[in-house]
Every structure is written in C-alpha cells, then in structure tokens.
Amino acid sequence: MRAIWKGALTFGLVNVPVKVYSATEDHDVSLHQVHATDGGRIRYQRICEIDGEVVPYADIDKAYDDGERTVVLTSDDLAALPSERSREIEVVEFVPTEQIDLLTLDRAYYLEPDSKSPKAYVLLRQTLEQTDRTAIVRFSLRQKTRLAALRVRGDVLVLQTLLWSDEVRQAAFPVLDEPVKISKKELELSASLVDSFSSDFDPAEFADEYQEELRTLIEAKLEQGDALDTTETFGEKTDAGGGEVIDLMDALRASVEKSRAARSGGATSSTKAAKAAKAAKDEDGKSAPAKKPARKKKAS
C-alpha cells in the first residue's frame, strides 16, 4: 500500500505521527464506452467555450459563479487555505461508540505509526478499547474539511470519515405515520423466521455475483464473439414471481416451514454421512469390536 497523507493525531498535548492509507479498494471490472456500430472508442475532451481549443489538464483551474460574477481559484489559492496546510488530525471529543450512526459512515483509512516508537499510538489504541469510546476527529484532506470517527480494528487505528449532518437526508414517508396493528402470532412467526436464518457474519462467504457473471460473460465473448448464446452460458431466466400478492401470515408460515425443511434435510444428510464414515472405519478394522457382556454365574 502507498500512503496518501502524512500528519499527526493530536489530543491534548499528545502528538501521534501517522501515515494514512486507503483501507478499501474497488475490484469492479473496468469498462469503457464505444461506438455501437463500429466499436470505436469514445473519448471525452476538455474544450474551452471561448476559443474552442482542447485544454490540457494542467491548464485547468476552478471557478465560482454567483450568476453575475465569476471568481477563478487557482491551485495555489486553494493550497494557501489554512485548513489545507494543516497536517493535524485533531481529536475534538470522545463519544460512546453506540452513538455513531452507521448511516453517516463514509470512506475508511488505516493509520500507521510514523515514528521510531509506536508507544503513543498503542496507548491511544488501548485507551479506546478500554473505555469503549470512539474519537471524533477533524482534519483536511484533498481540499475538503472532514469529520471522522477514529476507532480500533484489530491492532490498527482506523479513520472513517463521516457525512456532515446536512448531507444526510431526512426520511419522511406519510404511509409510516398511519398506525399499523401487528398481531402476537405475526411477531412470533417473524421471530421464528429470523431465528432460522441466524448465523455469525463472515464477509468471506459472500461475493459480488454481478462482477463474477460479468467476468464470465467477457471470457465467453472473447472465445465465441458475437455468436455467444447467453442461455447456454447462464441458463434460462426464471421468473421470481415477485409481483404476486400473498397474505403476510401465509408468507411467514411458508417461509418458516421451508427453513425448517432445509435444516432437517441438512441434519439428515449429516447423519447419513456420519453412519457411512463409521461403516468405512469398521471395515478397515480401525474400530475395536464391541465387548460381549460377561455371563452371570449361576447361584449354587
């Protein structure tokens, strides 16, 4: 990984030099646009409206237009802003972790100690763990002031930027203002269905199916060209029947029964597998024969 920013975490008089790394990456298949009739690559050019010339990226500045006047802001102007010059990640407060709204979480970054001794880094990490608190920090990155949550992931401090409060839309749905009656039986069935799907979350068990199918399609087209039969590649498209309206109670009952049947089938398969393994073990002579019960002596 390559560090994208260097600075220091500060809280009180404590200074923790750190390097910042992007914690996530995009693995999506990269596609570009082409002319449908001949496959020619579609290019976008930066054209000046005044002289009609193509402008190199190095000659492009930013501007603000209030409708009557235009102010041009050069890269030097923006770099001169005090917040942009700052290389500090300032801790402004420590809050209970549960107060962080997951909806506001944005980009994640790893912080690496950038000093010969990681003692201050480790001290902050252990303090956050022990107090079950999340640090709210403020810093500037890429010409934008950011608010972020500083938390612990394993042995590493993670900086996760937060959306500003005015960037989160308020949800106002009139249909939810009407009272809805939920019966006790519906809650019981729904809870039973939740219980049947309960598990420990392992992200590695999930994959981006669309990207996998896209790669399969690309490989198939590379081999077969436009003669590709998508039905042979992906199978017949089935109708999920999503438009069918059914009673909620019927849907809950059917879902619970289906889940129970699936679990029962899995248990049956496991039992059969165990019996087969035991039989194979006995045939190999690895299992000790069962001892015959001792005969009782007849009373004289």
C-alpha atoms as a PDB file:
ATOM      1  CA  MET A   1       0.000   0.000   0.000  1.00  0.00           C
ATOM      2  CA  ARG A   2       1.061   3.582  -0.601  1.00  0.00           C
ATOM      3  CA  ALA A   3       0.500   6.296   1.986  1.00  0.00           C
ATOM      4  CA  ILE A   4      -1.789   9.067   0.694  1.00  0.00           C
ATOM      5  CA  TRP A   5      -1.222  11.519   3.555  1.00  0.00           C
ATOM      6  CA  LYS A   6       1.147  12.128   6.437  1.00  0.00           C
ATOM      7  CA  GLY A   7       0.380  14.031   9.590  1.00  0.00           C
ATOM      8  CA  ALA A   8      -0.174  13.674  13.299  1.00  0.00           C
ATOM      9  CA  LEU A   9      -3.020  12.655  15.566  1.00  0.00           C
ATOM     10  CA  THR A  10      -3.352  15.188  18.371  1.00  0.00           C
ATOM     11  CA  PHE A  11      -5.387  15.116  21.565  1.00  0.00           C
ATOM     12  CA  GLY A  12      -4.463  17.468  24.329  1.00  0.00           C
ATOM     13  CA  LEU A  13      -0.679  17.734  24.302  1.00  0.00           C
ATOM     14  CA  VAL A  14      -0.247  14.191  22.954  1.00  0.00           C
ATOM     15  CA  ASN A  15       1.074  14.002  19.397  1.00  0.00           C
ATOM     16  CA  VAL A  16       0.974  10.733  17.419  1.00  0.00           C
ATOM     17  CA  PRO A  17       2.730  10.879  13.996  1.00  0.00           C
ATOM     18  CA  VAL A  18       0.839   8.712  11.480  1.00  0.00           C
ATOM     19  CA  LYS A  19       0.671   7.734   7.837  1.00  0.00           C
ATOM     20  CA  VAL A  20      -2.758   7.391   6.191  1.00  0.00           C
ATOM     21  CA  TYR A  21      -3.653   4.586   3.783  1.00  0.00           C
ATOM     22  CA  SER A  22      -6.897   3.823   1.940  1.00  0.00           C
ATOM     23  CA  ALA A  23      -8.454   0.838   3.710  1.00  0.00           C
ATOM     24  CA  THR A  24     -10.639  -0.278   0.804  1.00  0.00           C
ATOM     25  CA  GLU A  25     -10.259  -0.807  -2.942  1.00  0.00           C
ATOM     26  CA  ASP A  26     -12.514  -1.328  -5.946  1.00  0.00           C
ATOM     27  CA  HIS A  27     -12.345  -4.681  -7.755  1.00  0.00           C
ATOM     28  CA  ASP A  28     -15.093  -3.966 -10.292  1.00  0.00           C
ATOM     29  CA  VAL A  29     -14.377  -4.835 -13.933  1.00  0.00           C
ATOM     30  CA  SER A  30     -13.363  -1.638 -15.723  1.00  0.00           C
ATOM     31  CA  LEU A  31     -15.434  -0.894 -18.840  1.00  0.00           C
ATOM     32  CA  HIS A  32     -15.235   1.969 -21.345  1.00  0.00           C
ATOM     33  CA  GLN A  33     -17.679   3.346 -23.904  1.00  0.00           C
ATOM     34  CA  VAL A  34     -17.510   2.522 -27.632  1.00  0.00           C
ATOM     35  CA  HIS A  35     -19.493   3.404 -30.746  1.00  0.00           C
ATOM     36  CA  ALA A  36     -22.107   0.635 -31.088  1.00  0.00           C
ATOM     37  CA  THR A  37     -21.846   0.481 -34.918  1.00  0.00           C
ATOM     38  CA  ASP A  38     -18.071   0.121 -35.327  1.00  0.00           C
ATOM     39  CA  GLY A  39     -16.625  -0.350 -31.814  1.00  0.00           C
ATOM     40  CA  GLY A  40     -14.639   2.891 -31.926  1.00  0.00           C
ATOM     41  CA  ARG A  41     -13.522   4.195 -28.530  1.00  0.00           C
ATOM     42  CA  ILE A  42     -15.496   7.175 -27.226  1.00  0.00           C
ATOM     43  CA  ARG A  43     -13.194   9.906 -25.901  1.00  0.00           C
ATOM     44  CA  TYR A  44     -14.078  12.952 -23.827  1.00  0.00           C
ATOM     45  CA  GLN A  45     -12.182  16.174 -24.404  1.00  0.00           C
ATOM     46  CA  ARG A  46     -11.955  19.341 -22.329  1.00  0.00           C
ATOM     47  CA  ILE A  47     -12.989  22.078 -24.760  1.00  0.00           C
ATOM     48  CA  CYS A  48     -12.775  25.796 -23.947  1.00  0.00           C
ATOM     49  CA  GLU A  49     -16.071  27.527 -24.792  1.00  0.00           C
ATOM     50  CA  ILE A  50     -14.273  30.729 -25.848  1.00  0.00           C
ATOM     51  CA  ASP A  51     -11.596  29.574 -28.298  1.00  0.00           C
ATOM     52  CA  GLY A  52     -12.835  26.034 -28.965  1.00  0.00           C
ATOM     53  CA  GLU A  53      -9.424  24.567 -28.182  1.00  0.00           C
ATOM     54  CA  VAL A  54      -8.708  21.378 -26.215  1.00  0.00           C
ATOM     55  CA  VAL A  55      -7.287  22.408 -22.820  1.00  0.00           C
ATOM     56  CA  PRO A  56      -4.559  20.340 -21.092  1.00  0.00           C
ATOM     57  CA  TYR A  57      -5.496  19.292 -17.588  1.00  0.00           C
ATOM     58  CA  ALA A  58      -2.512  21.229 -16.174  1.00  0.00           C
ATOM     59  CA  ASP A  59      -4.025  24.478 -17.510  1.00  0.00           C
ATOM     60  CA  ILE A  60      -7.399  23.998 -15.820  1.00  0.00           C
ATOM     61  CA  ASP A  61      -8.356  25.979 -12.718  1.00  0.00           C
ATOM     62  CA  LYS A  62     -11.576  26.072 -10.726  1.00  0.00           C
ATOM     63  CA  ALA A  63     -14.066  28.906 -10.524  1.00  0.00           C
ATOM     64  CA  TYR A  64     -17.141  30.038  -8.611  1.00  0.00           C
ATOM     65  CA  ASP A  65     -20.027  31.740 -10.436  1.00  0.00           C
ATOM     66  CA  ASP A  66     -22.735  33.546  -8.441  1.00  0.00           C
ATOM     67  CA  GLY A  67     -24.786  34.243 -11.551  1.00  0.00           C
ATOM     68  CA  GLU A  68     -23.318  37.682 -12.183  1.00  0.00           C
ATOM     69  CA  ARG A  69     -19.623  37.394 -11.452  1.00  0.00           C
ATOM     70  CA  THR A  70     -17.013  34.659 -11.789  1.00  0.00           C
ATOM     71  CA  VAL A  71     -14.087  34.165  -9.442  1.00  0.00           C
ATOM     72  CA  VAL A  72     -11.214  31.967 -10.643  1.00  0.00           C
ATOM     73  CA  LEU A  73      -9.469  29.933  -7.926  1.00  0.00           C
ATOM     74  CA  THR A  74      -6.024  28.638  -8.827  1.00  0.00           C
ATOM     75  CA  SER A  75      -4.387  25.585  -7.246  1.00  0.00           C
ATOM     76  CA  ASP A  76      -2.072  27.979  -5.366  1.00  0.00           C
ATOM     77  CA  ASP A  77      -5.095  29.849  -3.967  1.00  0.00           C
ATOM     78  CA  LEU A  78      -6.625  26.632  -2.654  1.00  0.00           C
ATOM     79  CA  ALA A  79      -3.325  25.365  -1.231  1.00  0.00           C
ATOM     80  CA  ALA A  80      -2.955  28.620   0.713  1.00  0.00           C
ATOM     81  CA  LEU A  81      -6.059  27.958   2.831  1.00  0.00           C
ATOM     82  CA  PRO A  82      -5.058  27.404   6.496  1.00  0.00           C
ATOM     83  CA  SER A  83      -7.067  24.195   6.855  1.00  0.00           C
ATOM     84  CA  GLU A  84      -5.490  22.741   3.712  1.00  0.00           C
ATOM     85  CA  ARG A  85      -1.985  23.484   5.026  1.00  0.00           C
ATOM     86  CA  SER A  86      -2.708  21.748   8.339  1.00  0.00           C
ATOM     87  CA  ARG A  87      -1.277  18.284   8.816  1.00  0.00           C
ATOM     88  CA  GLU A  88      -3.096  17.540  12.037  1.00  0.00           C
ATOM     89  CA  ILE A  89      -5.897  15.088  12.772  1.00  0.00           C
ATOM     90  CA  GLU A  90      -7.395  16.819  15.792  1.00  0.00           C
ATOM     91  CA  VAL A  91      -9.399  14.840  18.319  1.00  0.00           C
ATOM     92  CA  VAL A  92     -12.328  17.053  19.326  1.00  0.00           C
ATOM     93  CA  GLU A  93     -14.159  14.628  21.629  1.00  0.00           C
ATOM     94  CA  PHE A  94     -14.540  11.012  22.729  1.00  0.00           C
ATOM     95  CA  VAL A  95     -18.074   9.643  22.466  1.00  0.00           C
ATOM     96  CA  PRO A  96     -19.801   6.336  23.301  1.00  0.00           C
ATOM     97  CA  THR A  97     -19.358   4.050  20.297  1.00  0.00           C
ATOM     98  CA  GLU A  98     -23.090   3.297  20.042  1.00  0.00           C
ATOM     99  CA  GLN A  99     -23.783   6.989  19.343  1.00  0.00           C
ATOM    100  CA  ILE A 100     -22.156   6.756  15.898  1.00  0.00           C
ATOM    101  CA  ASP A 101     -24.935   6.498  13.310  1.00  0.00           C
ATOM    102  CA  LEU A 102     -23.920   3.853  10.735  1.00  0.00           C
ATOM    103  CA  LEU A 103     -25.699   5.891   8.052  1.00  0.00           C
ATOM    104  CA  THR A 104     -23.079   8.619   8.381  1.00  0.00           C
ATOM    105  CA  LEU A 105     -20.034   6.349   7.868  1.00  0.00           C
ATOM    106  CA  ASP A 106     -18.129   7.020   4.630  1.00  0.00           C
ATOM    107  CA  ARG A 107     -14.565   6.199   3.460  1.00  0.00           C
ATOM    108  CA  ALA A 108     -12.205   4.199   5.690  1.00  0.00           C
ATOM    109  CA  TYR A 109      -8.460   4.718   6.134  1.00  0.00           C
ATOM    110  CA  TYR A 110      -5.771   2.809   8.048  1.00  0.00           C
ATOM    111  CA  LEU A 111      -3.382   4.758  10.262  1.00  0.00           C
ATOM    112  CA  GLU A 112       0.199   3.527  10.613  1.00  0.00           C
ATOM    113  CA  PRO A 113       2.598   4.843  13.283  1.00  0.00           C
ATOM    114  CA  ASP A 114       5.134   7.162  11.661  1.00  0.00           C
ATOM    115  CA  SER A 115       7.771   7.286  14.388  1.00  0.00           C
ATOM    116  CA  LYS A 116      10.523   5.068  15.762  1.00  0.00           C
ATOM    117  CA  SER A 117       8.458   4.278  18.853  1.00  0.00           C
ATOM    118  CA  PRO A 118       4.759   3.341  18.486  1.00  0.00           C
ATOM    119  CA  LYS A 119       4.115   3.848  22.220  1.00  0.00           C
ATOM    120  CA  ALA A 120       1.774   6.855  21.849  1.00  0.00           C
ATOM    121  CA  TYR A 121      -0.100   5.035  19.046  1.00  0.00           C
ATOM    122  CA  VAL A 122      -0.545   1.880  21.151  1.00  0.00           C
ATOM    123  CA  LEU A 123      -1.565   3.939  24.193  1.00  0.00           C
ATOM    124  CA  LEU A 124      -4.352   5.643  22.234  1.00  0.00           C
ATOM    125  CA  ARG A 125      -5.491   2.335  20.765  1.00  0.00           C
ATOM    126  CA  GLN A 126      -5.671   0.619  24.148  1.00  0.00           C
ATOM    127  CA  THR A 127      -7.418   3.625  25.692  1.00  0.00           C
ATOM    128  CA  LEU A 128     -10.153   3.491  23.057  1.00  0.00           C
ATOM    129  CA  GLU A 129     -10.580  -0.246  23.631  1.00  0.00           C
ATOM    130  CA  GLN A 130     -10.669   0.019  27.411  1.00  0.00           C
ATOM    131  CA  THR A 131     -13.134   2.919  27.541  1.00  0.00           C
ATOM    132  CA  ASP A 132     -15.303   1.621  24.656  1.00  0.00           C
ATOM    133  CA  ARG A 133     -15.206   5.091  23.152  1.00  0.00           C
ATOM    134  CA  THR A 134     -14.818   6.384  19.618  1.00  0.00           C
ATOM    135  CA  ALA A 135     -12.788   9.518  18.965  1.00  0.00           C
ATOM    136  CA  ILE A 136     -14.399  12.187  16.797  1.00  0.00           C
ATOM    137  CA  VAL A 137     -11.671  13.926  14.818  1.00  0.00           C
ATOM    138  CA  ARG A 138     -11.397  16.792  12.360  1.00  0.00           C
ATOM    139  CA  PHE A 139      -8.839  17.169   9.558  1.00  0.00           C
ATOM    140  CA  SER A 140      -8.391  18.318   5.956  1.00  0.00           C
ATOM    141  CA  LEU A 141      -7.753  16.011   3.018  1.00  0.00           C
ATOM    142  CA  ARG A 142      -7.878  16.739  -0.703  1.00  0.00           C
ATOM    143  CA  GLN A 143      -9.262  20.255  -0.386  1.00  0.00           C
ATOM    144  CA  LYS A 144     -12.070  19.308   1.951  1.00  0.00           C
ATOM    145  CA  THR A 145     -12.526  19.574   5.699  1.00  0.00           C
ATOM    146  CA  ARG A 146     -13.556  16.223   7.083  1.00  0.00           C
ATOM    147  CA  LEU A 147     -15.175  14.897  10.210  1.00  0.00           C
ATOM    148  CA  ALA A 148     -14.267  11.326  11.064  1.00  0.00           C
ATOM    149  CA  ALA A 149     -14.579   8.559  13.635  1.00  0.00           C
ATOM    150  CA  LEU A 150     -11.331   7.120  14.959  1.00  0.00           C
ATOM    151  CA  ARG A 151     -11.802   3.534  16.109  1.00  0.00           C
ATOM    152  CA  VAL A 152      -9.894   0.286  16.595  1.00  0.00           C
ATOM    153  CA  ARG A 153      -9.813  -2.661  14.187  1.00  0.00           C
ATOM    154  CA  GLY A 154      -7.602  -5.444  15.457  1.00  0.00           C
ATOM    155  CA  ASP A 155      -4.246  -3.830  16.236  1.00  0.00           C
ATOM    156  CA  VAL A 156      -4.771  -0.881  13.888  1.00  0.00           C
ATOM    157  CA  LEU A 157      -6.390   2.517  14.294  1.00  0.00           C
ATOM    158  CA  VAL A 158      -8.967   3.163  11.592  1.00  0.00           C
ATOM    159  CA  LEU A 159     -10.106   6.591  10.488  1.00  0.00           C
ATOM    160  CA  GLN A 160     -13.604   6.516   8.972  1.00  0.00           C
ATOM    161  CA  THR A 161     -14.893   9.768   7.525  1.00  0.00           C
ATOM    162  CA  LEU A 162     -18.394  10.856   8.478  1.00  0.00           C
ATOM    163  CA  LEU A 163     -21.013  12.643   6.433  1.00  0.00           C
ATOM    164  CA  TRP A 164     -21.908  16.092   7.732  1.00  0.00           C
ATOM    165  CA  SER A 165     -25.341  16.318   9.336  1.00  0.00           C
ATOM    166  CA  ASP A 166     -26.759  18.349   6.425  1.00  0.00           C
ATOM    167  CA  GLU A 167     -25.590  15.658   3.967  1.00  0.00           C
ATOM    168  CA  VAL A 168     -27.967  13.069   5.444  1.00  0.00           C
ATOM    169  CA  ARG A 169     -31.475  13.378   4.058  1.00  0.00           C
ATOM    170  CA  GLN A 170     -34.442  13.199   6.390  1.00  0.00           C
ATOM    171  CA  ALA A 171     -36.783  10.291   5.681  1.00  0.00           C
ATOM    172  CA  ALA A 172     -40.422  11.434   5.644  1.00  0.00           C
ATOM    173  CA  PHE A 173     -42.874   8.787   4.440  1.00  0.00           C
ATOM    174  CA  PRO A 174     -46.550   9.569   5.141  1.00  0.00           C
ATOM    175  CA  VAL A 175     -47.513   5.889   4.962  1.00  0.00           C
ATOM    176  CA  LEU A 176     -45.484   5.272   8.142  1.00  0.00           C
ATOM    177  CA  ASP A 177     -47.479   7.919  10.030  1.00  0.00           C
ATOM    178  CA  GLU A 178     -50.539   5.681   9.993  1.00  0.00           C
ATOM    179  CA  PRO A 179     -50.909   3.219  12.910  1.00  0.00           C
ATOM    180  CA  VAL A 180     -50.251  -0.417  11.952  1.00  0.00           C
ATOM    181  CA  LYS A 181     -51.532  -3.330  14.030  1.00  0.00           C
ATOM    182  CA  ILE A 182     -49.169  -6.306  14.310  1.00  0.00           C
ATOM    183  CA  SER A 183     -50.603  -9.433  15.925  1.00  0.00           C
ATOM    184  CA  LYS A 184     -48.755 -11.525  18.505  1.00  0.00           C
ATOM    185  CA  LYS A 185     -48.794 -14.514  16.134  1.00  0.00           C
ATOM    186  CA  GLU A 186     -47.219 -12.483  13.341  1.00  0.00           C
ATOM    187  CA  LEU A 187     -44.420 -11.392  15.677  1.00  0.00           C
ATOM    188  CA  GLU A 188     -43.846 -14.995  16.814  1.00  0.00           C
ATOM    189  CA  LEU A 189     -43.650 -16.305  13.241  1.00  0.00           C
ATOM    190  CA  SER A 190     -41.413 -13.451  12.185  1.00  0.00           C
ATOM    191  CA  ALA A 191     -39.083 -14.057  15.167  1.00  0.00           C
ATOM    192  CA  SER A 192     -39.025 -17.779  14.338  1.00  0.00           C
ATOM    193  CA  LEU A 193     -38.036 -16.956  10.757  1.00  0.00           C
ATOM    194  CA  VAL A 194     -35.266 -14.649  11.969  1.00  0.00           C
ATOM    195  CA  ASP A 195     -34.009 -17.383  14.296  1.00  0.00           C
ATOM    196  CA  SER A 196     -33.864 -19.872  11.396  1.00  0.00           C
ATOM    197  CA  PHE A 197     -31.580 -17.505   9.470  1.00  0.00           C
ATOM    198  CA  SER A 198     -29.410 -16.613  12.479  1.00  0.00           C
ATOM    199  CA  SER A 199     -25.667 -17.024  11.989  1.00  0.00           C
ATOM    200  CA  ASP A 200     -22.295 -15.386  12.643  1.00  0.00           C
ATOM    201  CA  PHE A 201     -21.421 -12.932   9.882  1.00  0.00           C
ATOM    202  CA  ASP A 202     -18.402 -13.881   7.762  1.00  0.00           C
ATOM    203  CA  PRO A 203     -17.853 -11.438   4.857  1.00  0.00           C
ATOM    204  CA  ALA A 204     -15.648 -14.022   3.081  1.00  0.00           C
ATOM    205  CA  GLU A 205     -18.727 -16.189   2.494  1.00  0.00           C
ATOM    206  CA  PHE A 206     -20.218 -13.582   0.159  1.00  0.00           C
ATOM    207  CA  ALA A 207     -19.146 -12.484  -3.308  1.00  0.00           C
ATOM    208  CA  ASP A 208     -20.180  -9.885  -5.874  1.00  0.00           C
ATOM    209  CA  GLU A 209     -22.304 -12.099  -8.147  1.00  0.00           C
ATOM    210  CA  TYR A 210     -22.722  -9.396 -10.790  1.00  0.00           C
ATOM    211  CA  GLN A 211     -18.952  -8.955 -11.202  1.00  0.00           C
ATOM    212  CA  GLU A 212     -18.450 -12.740 -11.371  1.00  0.00           C
ATOM    213  CA  GLU A 213     -21.155 -13.056 -14.048  1.00  0.00           C
ATOM    214  CA  LEU A 214     -19.677 -10.086 -15.924  1.00  0.00           C
ATOM    215  CA  ARG A 215     -16.246 -11.743 -15.997  1.00  0.00           C
ATOM    216  CA  THR A 216     -17.860 -14.986 -17.209  1.00  0.00           C
ATOM    217  CA  LEU A 217     -19.620 -13.063 -19.972  1.00  0.00           C
ATOM    218  CA  ILE A 218     -16.396 -11.319 -21.025  1.00  0.00           C
ATOM    219  CA  GLU A 219     -14.457 -14.616 -21.162  1.00  0.00           C
ATOM    220  CA  ALA A 220     -17.250 -16.257 -23.151  1.00  0.00           C
ATOM    221  CA  LYS A 221     -17.388 -13.374 -25.640  1.00  0.00           C
ATOM    222  CA  LEU A 222     -13.602 -13.426 -26.024  1.00  0.00           C
ATOM    223  CA  GLU A 223     -13.852 -17.111 -27.001  1.00  0.00           C
ATOM    224  CA  GLN A 224     -17.083 -17.097 -29.017  1.00  0.00           C
ATOM    225  CA  GLY A 225     -17.511 -13.487 -30.114  1.00  0.00           C
ATOM    226  CA  ASP A 226     -20.999 -12.248 -31.045  1.00  0.00           C
ATOM    227  CA  ALA A 227     -22.101 -15.857 -31.653  1.00  0.00           C
ATOM    228  CA  LEU A 228     -22.353 -16.263 -27.880  1.00  0.00           C
ATOM    229  CA  ASP A 229     -25.541 -17.937 -26.654  1.00  0.00           C
ATOM    230  CA  THR A 230     -26.239 -16.330 -23.274  1.00  0.00           C
ATOM    231  CA  THR A 231     -28.826 -19.022 -22.476  1.00  0.00           C
ATOM    232  CA  GLU A 232     -26.149 -21.710 -22.694  1.00  0.00           C
ATOM    233  CA  THR A 233     -23.757 -19.572 -20.671  1.00  0.00           C
ATOM    234  CA  PHE A 234     -26.076 -18.531 -17.855  1.00  0.00           C
ATOM    235  CA  GLY A 235     -29.132 -20.799 -18.235  1.00  0.00           C
ATOM    236  CA  GLU A 236     -32.777 -19.877 -18.695  1.00  0.00           C
ATOM    237  CA  LYS A 237     -34.046 -16.771 -16.942  1.00  0.00           C
ATOM    238  CA  THR A 238     -36.560 -17.744 -14.279  1.00  0.00           C
ATOM    239  CA  ASP A 239     -39.460 -15.622 -13.095  1.00  0.00           C
ATOM    240  CA  ALA A 240     -39.126 -14.925  -9.384  1.00  0.00           C
ATOM    241  CA  GLY A 241     -42.842 -14.198  -9.147  1.00  0.00           C
ATOM    242  CA  GLY A 242     -42.209 -11.006  -7.220  1.00  0.00           C
ATOM    243  CA  GLY A 243     -45.424  -9.421  -8.407  1.00  0.00           C
ATOM    244  CA  GLU A 244     -47.671 -11.974  -6.715  1.00  0.00           C
ATOM    245  CA  VAL A 245     -49.527 -10.597  -3.701  1.00  0.00           C
ATOM    246  CA  ILE A 246     -49.930 -13.115  -0.863  1.00  0.00           C
ATOM    247  CA  ASP A 247     -51.163 -12.892   2.698  1.00  0.00           C
ATOM    248  CA  LEU A 248     -48.465 -11.917   5.198  1.00  0.00           C
ATOM    249  CA  MET A 249     -49.305 -14.753   7.609  1.00  0.00           C
ATOM    250  CA  ASP A 250     -49.232 -17.304   4.773  1.00  0.00           C
ATOM    251  CA  ALA A 251     -45.882 -15.969   3.646  1.00  0.00           C
ATOM    252  CA  LEU A 252     -44.448 -16.190   7.179  1.00  0.00           C
ATOM    253  CA  ARG A 253     -45.724 -19.740   7.704  1.00  0.00           C
ATOM    254  CA  ALA A 254     -44.412 -20.897   4.318  1.00  0.00           C
ATOM    255  CA  SER A 255     -41.032 -19.292   4.953  1.00  0.00           C
ATOM    256  CA  VAL A 256     -40.671 -20.891   8.395  1.00  0.00           C
ATOM    257  CA  GLU A 257     -41.680 -24.329   7.043  1.00  0.00           C
ATOM    258  CA  LYS A 258     -39.226 -24.018   4.144  1.00  0.00           C
ATOM    259  CA  SER A 259     -36.403 -23.072   6.502  1.00  0.00           C
ATOM    260  CA  ARG A 260     -37.210 -25.945   8.867  1.00  0.00           C
ATOM    261  CA  ALA A 261     -37.286 -28.397   5.964  1.00  0.00           C
ATOM    262  CA  ALA A 262     -33.908 -27.161   4.766  1.00  0.00           C
ATOM    263  CA  ARG A 263     -32.388 -27.573   8.223  1.00  0.00           C
ATOM    264  CA  SER A 264     -33.961 -31.010   8.610  1.00  0.00           C
ATOM    265  CA  GLY A 265     -32.547 -32.110   5.270  1.00  0.00           C
ATOM    266  CA  GLY A 266     -29.114 -30.882   6.279  1.00  0.00           C
ATOM    267  CA  ALA A 267     -29.305 -32.811   9.550  1.00  0.00           C
ATOM    268  CA  THR A 268     -30.405 -35.963   7.717  1.00  0.00           C
ATOM    269  CA  SER A 269     -27.506 -35.671   5.316  1.00  0.00           C
ATOM    270  CA  SER A 270     -25.102 -35.183   8.205  1.00  0.00           C
ATOM    271  CA  THR A 271     -26.473 -38.278   9.973  1.00  0.00           C
ATOM    272  CA  LYS A 272     -26.107 -40.391   6.818  1.00  0.00           C
ATOM    273  CA  ALA A 273     -22.570 -39.130   6.316  1.00  0.00           C
ATOM    274  CA  ALA A 274     -21.660 -39.996   9.915  1.00  0.00           C
ATOM    275  CA  LYS A 275     -23.065 -43.536   9.553  1.00  0.00           C
ATOM    276  CA  ALA A 276     -21.205 -44.058   6.280  1.00  0.00           C
ATOM    277  CA  ALA A 277     -17.961 -42.906   7.852  1.00  0.00           C
ATOM    278  CA  LYS A 278     -18.447 -45.269  10.801  1.00  0.00           C
ATOM    279  CA  ALA A 279     -19.148 -48.195   8.466  1.00  0.00           C
ATOM    280  CA  ALA A 280     -15.995 -47.487   6.473  1.00  0.00           C
ATOM    281  CA  LYS A 281     -13.981 -47.266   9.653  1.00  0.00           C
ATOM    282  CA  ASP A 282     -15.287 -50.630  10.859  1.00  0.00           C
ATOM    283  CA  GLU A 283     -14.425 -52.255   7.518  1.00  0.00           C
ATOM    284  CA  ASP A 284     -10.847 -51.037   7.799  1.00  0.00           C
ATOM    285  CA  GLY A 285     -10.603 -52.743  11.172  1.00  0.00           C
ATOM    286  CA  LYS A 286      -9.793 -49.489  12.889  1.00  0.00           C
ATOM    287  CA  SER A 287     -12.653 -49.740  15.319  1.00  0.00           C
ATOM    288  CA  ALA A 288     -12.329 -52.062  18.257  1.00  0.00           C
ATOM    289  CA  PRO A 289     -15.009 -54.803  18.316  1.00  0.00           C
ATOM    290  CA  ALA A 290     -17.667 -54.387  20.951  1.00  0.00           C
ATOM    291  CA  LYS A 291     -17.102 -56.461  24.090  1.00  0.00           C
ATOM    292  CA  LYS A 292     -19.627 -59.190  24.853  1.00  0.00           C
ATOM    293  CA  PRO A 293     -21.342 -58.834  28.197  1.00  0.00           C
ATOM    294  CA  ALA A 294     -19.938 -61.174  30.860  1.00  0.00           C
ATOM    295  CA  ARG A 295     -22.129 -64.181  31.728  1.00  0.00           C
ATOM    296  CA  LYS A 296     -23.553 -64.268  35.214  1.00  0.00           C
ATOM    297  CA  LYS A 297     -22.610 -67.263  37.338  1.00  0.00           C
ATOM    298  CA  LYS A 298     -25.481 -69.478  38.367  1.00  0.00           C
ATOM    299  CA  ALA A 299     -26.211 -69.435  42.027  1.00  0.00           C
ATOM    300  CA  SER A 300     -25.425 -72.793  43.629  1.00  0.00           C
END
